[in-house]
N, C-alpha and C. Protein backbone atom coordinates (compact mmCIF):
# COMPACT_ATOMS: atom_id res chain seq x y z
N UNK A 1 23.90 149.28 91.58
CA UNK A 1 24.70 148.73 90.62
C UNK A 1 25.06 149.82 89.12
N UNK A 2 26.33 149.57 88.89
CA UNK A 2 26.93 150.48 87.79
C UNK A 2 26.15 150.65 86.66
N UNK A 3 25.63 149.89 86.57
CA UNK A 3 24.92 149.73 84.76
C UNK A 3 23.81 150.69 85.07
N UNK A 4 23.24 151.26 86.21
CA UNK A 4 22.02 151.66 86.44
C UNK A 4 21.97 152.98 85.38
N UNK A 5 22.32 153.66 85.21
CA UNK A 5 22.13 155.08 84.42
C UNK A 5 21.36 154.50 83.33
N UNK A 6 22.00 153.01 82.40
CA UNK A 6 21.46 152.58 81.31
C UNK A 6 20.40 151.64 81.90
N UNK A 7 20.06 151.72 82.34
CA UNK A 7 19.03 150.42 82.59
C UNK A 7 17.55 151.07 82.08
N UNK A 8 17.47 152.21 82.42
CA UNK A 8 15.55 152.86 82.28
C UNK A 8 15.63 153.07 80.87
N UNK A 9 16.70 153.14 79.46
CA UNK A 9 16.49 152.90 78.50
C UNK A 9 15.73 151.73 78.04
N UNK A 10 16.66 150.60 78.23
CA UNK A 10 15.91 149.19 78.13
C UNK A 10 14.74 148.69 78.84
N UNK A 11 14.58 148.88 79.68
CA UNK A 11 13.21 148.68 80.54
C UNK A 11 12.28 149.74 79.80
N UNK A 12 12.38 151.17 79.55
CA UNK A 12 11.51 151.82 78.44
C UNK A 12 11.24 150.86 77.27
N UNK A 13 12.17 150.57 76.48
CA UNK A 13 12.48 149.70 75.09
C UNK A 13 11.33 148.32 75.66
N UNK A 14 11.52 147.60 77.02
CA UNK A 14 10.89 146.52 77.17
C UNK A 14 9.65 146.57 77.29
N UNK A 15 9.23 147.67 78.02
CA UNK A 15 7.62 147.81 78.39
C UNK A 15 6.99 148.51 76.55
N UNK A 16 7.69 148.55 75.95
CA UNK A 16 7.46 149.40 74.86
C UNK A 16 6.37 148.12 73.78
N UNK A 17 5.34 148.42 72.95
CA UNK A 17 4.93 147.32 72.21
C UNK A 17 5.98 146.52 71.35
N UNK A 18 5.93 145.41 71.84
CA UNK A 18 6.84 144.39 71.20
C UNK A 18 6.38 142.91 70.33
N UNK A 19 7.14 142.52 69.44
CA UNK A 19 6.62 141.21 68.91
C UNK A 19 7.41 140.25 69.20
N UNK A 20 7.03 138.76 69.34
CA UNK A 20 7.96 137.76 69.55
C UNK A 20 8.82 137.70 69.02
N UNK A 21 9.35 137.76 68.18
CA UNK A 21 10.65 137.11 67.72
C UNK A 21 11.28 138.50 66.71
N UNK A 22 12.21 138.62 66.44
CA UNK A 22 13.57 139.60 65.89
C UNK A 22 13.05 138.79 64.53
N UNK A 23 13.48 139.99 63.41
CA UNK A 23 13.49 139.56 62.32
C UNK A 23 14.89 139.08 62.07
N UNK A 24 15.02 137.51 61.56
CA UNK A 24 16.40 136.88 61.48
C UNK A 24 17.19 137.91 60.85
N UNK A 25 17.59 138.68 60.04
CA UNK A 25 18.59 139.33 59.73
C UNK A 25 18.95 140.50 60.92
N UNK A 26 17.74 140.98 61.52
CA UNK A 26 18.41 142.00 62.53
C UNK A 26 18.90 140.87 63.74
N UNK A 27 18.17 140.16 64.29
CA UNK A 27 18.54 138.96 65.07
C UNK A 27 20.40 138.80 65.01
N UNK A 28 20.26 138.05 63.77
CA UNK A 28 22.29 137.79 63.33
C UNK A 28 22.84 138.92 63.54
N UNK A 29 22.59 140.28 63.28
CA UNK A 29 23.07 141.24 63.30
C UNK A 29 23.82 141.61 64.92
N UNK A 30 22.59 141.42 65.45
CA UNK A 30 22.45 141.90 67.07
C UNK A 30 23.56 140.74 67.67
N UNK A 31 23.36 139.64 67.37
CA UNK A 31 24.20 138.52 67.75
C UNK A 31 25.66 138.67 67.75
N UNK A 32 26.11 139.11 66.47
CA UNK A 32 27.33 139.58 65.70
C UNK A 32 27.87 140.50 66.81
N UNK A 33 26.81 141.64 66.91
CA UNK A 33 27.06 143.12 67.81
C UNK A 33 27.32 142.25 69.44
N UNK A 34 26.72 141.44 70.02
CA UNK A 34 26.82 140.97 71.31
C UNK A 34 28.30 140.29 71.38
N UNK A 35 28.64 139.33 70.14
CA UNK A 35 29.94 138.53 70.50
C UNK A 35 30.95 139.84 70.64
N UNK A 36 30.80 140.61 69.71
CA UNK A 36 31.73 141.68 70.06
C UNK A 36 31.92 142.49 71.13
N UNK A 37 30.95 143.09 71.63
CA UNK A 37 30.60 143.41 72.85
C UNK A 37 31.18 142.85 74.15
N UNK A 38 31.46 141.27 73.76
CA UNK A 38 31.82 140.55 74.66
C UNK A 38 33.69 140.52 74.87
N UNK A 39 33.74 140.50 73.58
CA UNK A 39 35.46 140.62 73.10
C UNK A 39 35.95 141.78 73.58
N UNK A 40 35.16 143.38 73.32
CA UNK A 40 35.60 144.01 73.77
C UNK A 40 35.88 144.35 75.57
N UNK A 41 34.62 143.79 75.87
CA UNK A 41 34.24 143.76 77.49
C UNK A 41 35.44 143.14 77.87
N UNK A 42 35.66 142.21 77.90
CA UNK A 42 36.55 141.03 78.42
C UNK A 42 38.33 141.82 78.02
N UNK A 43 38.37 142.52 77.60
CA UNK A 43 39.69 143.13 76.69
C UNK A 43 39.47 144.50 77.51
N UNK A 44 38.48 145.42 78.20
CA UNK A 44 38.77 146.03 79.18
C UNK A 44 38.40 147.29 77.91
N UNK A 45 38.09 146.99 76.81
CA UNK A 45 38.20 148.54 75.62
C UNK A 45 36.73 149.50 75.89
N UNK A 46 36.73 149.97 76.82
CA UNK A 46 35.07 150.45 77.12
C UNK A 46 35.37 151.76 76.33
N UNK A 47 36.60 152.24 76.02
CA UNK A 47 36.28 153.63 74.57
C UNK A 47 35.70 152.82 73.50
N UNK A 48 36.42 151.69 73.35
CA UNK A 48 35.81 151.26 71.94
C UNK A 48 34.35 151.02 72.01
N UNK A 49 33.87 150.44 73.00
CA UNK A 49 32.30 150.58 73.15
C UNK A 49 31.45 151.76 73.30
N UNK A 50 32.22 152.57 73.59
CA UNK A 50 31.15 153.89 73.99
C UNK A 50 31.54 153.99 72.29
N UNK A 51 32.49 154.86 71.85
CA UNK A 51 32.54 154.88 70.38
C UNK A 51 31.47 154.64 69.55
N UNK A 52 31.23 153.07 69.67
CA UNK A 52 30.22 152.53 69.04
C UNK A 52 28.87 152.88 69.11
N UNK A 53 28.78 153.04 70.54
CA UNK A 53 27.15 153.11 70.87
C UNK A 53 26.25 154.53 70.77
N UNK A 54 24.98 154.06 71.10
CA UNK A 54 24.45 155.15 70.05
C UNK A 54 24.45 156.67 71.36
N UNK A 55 24.11 157.82 70.26
CA UNK A 55 24.28 158.66 71.16
C UNK A 55 23.44 159.12 72.42
N UNK A 56 22.26 157.95 72.78
CA UNK A 56 21.77 158.14 73.62
C UNK A 56 22.38 157.50 74.91
N UNK A 57 23.35 156.36 74.39
CA UNK A 57 24.16 155.57 75.54
C UNK A 57 25.24 156.75 75.98
N UNK A 58 25.71 157.72 75.14
CA UNK A 58 26.66 158.40 75.68
C UNK A 58 27.01 159.85 75.95
N UNK A 59 25.30 160.32 76.83
CA UNK A 59 24.93 161.25 77.09
C UNK A 59 25.69 161.50 78.42
N UNK A 60 26.37 160.51 79.41
CA UNK A 60 27.10 160.72 80.49
C UNK A 60 28.37 161.16 79.93
N UNK A 61 28.81 161.18 78.98
CA UNK A 61 30.26 161.15 78.53
C UNK A 61 31.35 159.64 78.73
N UNK A 62 32.07 160.33 78.02
CA UNK A 62 33.12 158.79 77.71
C UNK A 62 33.65 158.61 79.19
N UNK A 63 34.03 159.42 79.77
CA UNK A 63 35.25 159.04 81.32
C UNK A 63 33.59 158.65 82.19
N UNK A 64 32.49 158.90 82.33
CA UNK A 64 31.54 158.35 82.95
C UNK A 64 31.16 156.66 82.64
N UNK A 65 31.05 156.55 81.38
CA UNK A 65 30.85 155.15 81.04
C UNK A 65 32.12 154.43 81.27
N UNK A 66 33.13 155.04 80.61
CA UNK A 66 34.13 153.70 81.13
C UNK A 66 34.30 153.42 82.44
N UNK A 67 34.30 154.98 83.50
CA UNK A 67 34.35 154.20 84.96
C UNK A 67 33.39 152.66 85.43
N UNK A 68 31.95 153.50 84.69
CA UNK A 68 30.94 152.38 84.97
C UNK A 68 31.20 150.97 84.68
N UNK A 69 32.04 150.72 83.43
CA UNK A 69 31.98 149.94 82.63
C UNK A 69 32.84 148.97 83.44
N UNK A 70 34.15 149.87 83.72
CA UNK A 70 35.59 149.06 84.98
C UNK A 70 34.86 148.62 86.35
N UNK A 71 33.87 149.11 86.54
CA UNK A 71 33.22 148.70 88.02
C UNK A 71 32.24 147.18 87.32
N UNK A 72 31.98 147.48 86.55
CA UNK A 72 30.74 145.91 85.87
C UNK A 72 32.16 145.22 85.88
N UNK A 73 32.48 144.97 85.51
CA UNK A 73 34.22 144.55 84.48
C UNK A 73 34.87 143.64 86.22
N UNK A 74 35.33 144.47 87.19
CA UNK A 74 35.58 144.35 88.22
C UNK A 74 34.38 143.39 89.05
N UNK A 75 33.46 143.78 88.95
CA UNK A 75 32.59 143.08 89.73
C UNK A 75 32.28 141.07 89.01
N UNK A 76 31.93 141.24 87.46
CA UNK A 76 31.95 140.04 87.48
C UNK A 76 32.96 139.94 86.44
N UNK A 77 33.84 139.90 85.98
CA UNK A 77 35.38 139.58 85.63
C UNK A 77 35.42 139.17 84.07
N UNK A 78 35.83 138.41 83.68
CA UNK A 78 35.83 137.90 82.03
C UNK A 78 34.51 137.37 81.74
N UNK A 79 34.04 137.32 80.68
CA UNK A 79 33.40 136.40 79.92
C UNK A 79 33.65 135.39 79.73
N UNK A 80 33.27 134.21 79.91
CA UNK A 80 33.48 132.53 79.86
C UNK A 80 32.76 132.26 78.93
N UNK A 81 31.12 132.23 78.84
CA UNK A 81 30.43 131.68 78.09
C UNK A 81 28.94 132.60 77.93
N UNK A 82 28.06 132.37 77.06
CA UNK A 82 27.06 133.54 76.88
C UNK A 82 26.29 132.48 75.88
N UNK A 83 24.85 132.60 76.43
CA UNK A 83 23.96 131.87 75.33
C UNK A 83 22.08 132.63 75.42
N UNK A 84 22.03 133.07 74.21
CA UNK A 84 21.08 133.48 74.38
C UNK A 84 19.74 133.10 74.74
N UNK A 85 18.71 133.74 75.72
CA UNK A 85 17.76 133.01 76.51
C UNK A 85 16.52 133.80 76.10
N UNK A 86 16.60 135.08 75.19
CA UNK A 86 15.34 135.69 74.88
C UNK A 86 15.82 136.82 74.01
N UNK A 87 14.59 136.99 72.84
CA UNK A 87 14.93 138.18 72.36
C UNK A 87 13.68 138.70 71.58
N UNK A 88 13.66 140.58 71.49
CA UNK A 88 12.23 140.52 71.19
C UNK A 88 12.48 141.96 69.76
N UNK A 89 11.65 142.10 69.20
CA UNK A 89 11.78 143.01 68.06
C UNK A 89 11.06 143.93 67.78
N UNK A 90 11.15 145.40 67.61
CA UNK A 90 10.08 145.93 67.29
C UNK A 90 10.94 147.15 65.98
N UNK A 91 9.80 147.70 65.38
CA UNK A 91 9.39 148.71 64.63
C UNK A 91 8.82 149.74 65.50
N UNK A 92 9.18 150.87 65.39
CA UNK A 92 8.24 152.14 65.57
C UNK A 92 9.06 152.87 66.42
N UNK A 93 8.22 153.56 67.26
CA UNK A 93 8.70 154.46 68.30
C UNK A 93 8.69 154.07 69.56
N UNK A 94 9.38 154.63 70.62
CA UNK A 94 9.43 154.64 71.62
C UNK A 94 9.97 156.14 72.21
N UNK A 95 9.95 156.37 73.52
CA UNK A 95 9.99 157.66 74.29
C UNK A 95 11.06 157.16 75.48
N UNK A 96 12.16 157.72 75.78
CA UNK A 96 12.74 157.88 76.93
C UNK A 96 13.28 158.83 77.52
N UNK A 97 13.55 159.14 78.27
CA UNK A 97 13.65 161.18 79.20
C UNK A 97 13.10 161.83 78.69
N UNK A 98 11.88 161.61 78.24
CA UNK A 98 10.97 162.75 77.51
C UNK A 98 11.75 162.92 75.52
N UNK A 99 12.65 161.87 75.50
CA UNK A 99 12.90 161.69 73.60
C UNK A 99 12.55 160.88 73.48
N UNK A 100 11.82 161.26 72.12
CA UNK A 100 11.14 159.87 71.48
C UNK A 100 12.64 159.51 70.49
N UNK A 101 12.26 158.25 70.48
CA UNK A 101 13.26 157.46 69.48
C UNK A 101 12.47 156.31 68.05
N UNK A 102 12.76 156.61 67.18
CA UNK A 102 12.43 155.85 66.12
C UNK A 102 13.32 155.20 65.53
N UNK A 103 12.55 153.81 64.87
CA UNK A 103 13.61 152.79 64.08
C UNK A 103 13.42 151.25 64.48
N UNK A 104 14.21 150.57 64.51
CA UNK A 104 14.00 149.17 64.75
C UNK A 104 15.08 148.79 65.73
N UNK A 105 14.58 148.15 66.35
CA UNK A 105 14.84 147.61 67.77
C UNK A 105 14.96 146.72 68.77
N UNK A 106 16.49 145.74 68.50
CA UNK A 106 16.60 144.33 69.25
C UNK A 106 16.59 144.27 70.26
N UNK A 107 15.77 143.65 71.31
CA UNK A 107 16.70 143.49 72.99
C UNK A 107 16.63 142.00 73.01
N UNK A 108 18.06 141.72 73.63
CA UNK A 108 18.09 140.30 73.84
C UNK A 108 18.75 140.30 75.29
N UNK A 109 18.09 138.91 75.78
CA UNK A 109 18.69 138.04 77.28
C UNK A 109 19.59 137.30 76.84
N UNK A 110 20.60 137.38 77.47
CA UNK A 110 21.78 136.63 78.19
C UNK A 110 21.89 136.12 78.88
N UNK A 111 21.95 134.85 79.10
CA UNK A 111 22.61 134.05 80.44
C UNK A 111 24.12 133.81 80.37
N UNK A 112 25.03 134.73 81.17
CA UNK A 112 26.30 134.78 80.96
C UNK A 112 26.83 134.22 81.70
N UNK A 113 27.69 133.61 81.61
CA UNK A 113 28.79 132.72 82.74
C UNK A 113 30.26 133.60 83.02
N UNK A 114 30.14 134.64 84.04
CA UNK A 114 31.23 135.40 83.75
C UNK A 114 32.37 135.07 84.71
N UNK A 115 33.74 135.41 84.92
CA UNK A 115 34.53 134.70 85.97
C UNK A 115 34.06 134.53 87.48
N UNK A 116 33.39 135.40 87.84
CA UNK A 116 32.66 135.56 89.38
C UNK A 116 31.58 134.77 89.10
N UNK A 117 30.79 134.27 88.03
CA UNK A 117 29.50 133.48 88.60
C UNK A 117 28.73 134.21 87.33
N UNK A 118 27.62 133.51 87.35
CA UNK A 118 26.53 133.59 86.40
C UNK A 118 25.59 135.32 86.10
N UNK A 119 25.72 135.83 85.61
CA UNK A 119 24.49 136.81 85.33
C UNK A 119 23.45 136.85 84.23
N UNK A 120 22.40 137.75 83.92
CA UNK A 120 21.73 137.94 83.06
C UNK A 120 21.99 139.14 82.74
N UNK A 121 22.41 139.46 81.33
CA UNK A 121 22.47 140.71 80.54
C UNK A 121 21.32 140.90 79.59
N UNK A 122 21.29 141.75 79.62
CA UNK A 122 20.27 142.48 78.46
C UNK A 122 20.75 143.63 77.71
N UNK A 123 20.65 143.30 76.76
CA UNK A 123 21.35 144.67 75.30
C UNK A 123 19.92 144.97 74.43
N UNK A 124 19.97 146.63 74.63
CA UNK A 124 19.10 146.99 73.64
C UNK A 124 19.78 147.70 72.46
N UNK A 125 19.53 147.27 71.31
CA UNK A 125 19.99 147.39 70.08
C UNK A 125 19.31 148.55 68.82
N UNK A 126 19.76 149.20 68.47
CA UNK A 126 19.21 149.99 67.16
C UNK A 126 19.75 149.32 65.91
N UNK A 127 19.03 149.20 65.25
CA UNK A 127 19.64 148.38 63.83
C UNK A 127 19.39 149.68 63.02
N UNK A 128 20.55 150.08 62.61
CA UNK A 128 20.81 150.74 61.66
C UNK A 128 21.46 150.90 60.57
N UNK A 129 21.16 151.18 58.86
CA UNK A 129 22.23 150.90 58.27
C UNK A 129 22.47 149.63 58.32
N UNK A 130 22.03 148.10 58.74
CA UNK A 130 22.93 146.93 58.68
C UNK A 130 23.52 146.71 59.63
N UNK A 131 23.57 147.44 60.88
CA UNK A 131 24.48 147.49 61.77
C UNK A 131 23.68 147.69 63.07
N UNK A 132 23.68 147.29 64.14
CA UNK A 132 23.55 147.01 65.57
C UNK A 132 24.18 148.01 66.07
N UNK A 133 23.44 149.18 66.73
CA UNK A 133 24.09 150.58 67.73
C UNK A 133 23.54 150.21 68.78
N UNK A 134 24.17 149.87 70.37
CA UNK A 134 24.30 149.75 71.19
C UNK A 134 23.62 150.82 71.79
N UNK A 135 22.18 150.35 72.35
CA UNK A 135 21.54 151.89 73.35
C UNK A 135 21.30 151.82 74.79
N UNK A 136 21.49 150.65 75.21
CA UNK A 136 21.01 150.10 76.71
C UNK A 136 22.16 148.67 76.85
N UNK A 137 22.49 148.56 78.13
CA UNK A 137 23.07 147.35 78.75
C UNK A 137 22.78 147.29 79.80
N UNK A 138 22.33 146.28 80.43
CA UNK A 138 21.88 146.04 82.09
C UNK A 138 22.74 144.69 82.24
N UNK A 139 23.71 144.68 83.64
CA UNK A 139 23.51 143.20 83.83
C UNK A 139 22.94 142.83 85.26
N UNK A 140 22.78 141.68 85.37
CA UNK A 140 22.26 141.42 86.93
C UNK A 140 22.44 139.91 87.53
N UNK A 141 23.01 140.20 88.68
CA UNK A 141 23.60 138.69 88.93
C UNK A 141 22.65 137.75 89.18
N UNK A 142 23.07 136.79 89.10
CA UNK A 142 21.89 135.53 89.37
C UNK A 142 21.60 135.13 90.77
N UNK A 143 20.70 134.91 91.58
CA UNK A 143 20.38 134.48 93.04
C UNK A 143 21.37 132.74 92.64
N UNK A 144 21.57 132.87 93.83
CA UNK A 144 21.93 131.30 94.16
C UNK A 144 21.04 130.49 94.45
C-alpha cells in the first residue's frame, strides 16, 4: 500500500485515549482541511500537501512523499464524493516512533468515492493556532 509509511502514526493515535467527539471548532477546521486536501489531491498538488503537513509527515522527504501520493492517485483516481463517517478528538500526549507529540488531535474517517471505486480514508490532524496540520493519511479500498 503506498500510504503504509504514514499509516503507523494514524494507528498510534487511534489507539491512544480518545474521547467520542471533537470539539465543534476543531472538527470544522479539520473538515475544511479534508476538503482542501481532496482538491489538492485531485489536482495532483502533492508538493502543496507536503508543504502544509506536519514535520512528522515530512520525515521521508518531499520526493518520497510525492512518489507515494502519485501511486495512490494512480490507483484510486479523482475524488468524486466524500462523507465523514467517524471522528475522534484528543488533547494530550501521544508517542510515535519513540517521539512524543503533544497537542490537540482530530482523527477522521471518510467514505470516499474515487473514480476507481469506494475507499475509506483516515486523516489525522494536529490542531495548531486555529488550523489543521496533516500528521497522518491512510486510504484503504472497500471490499466488493
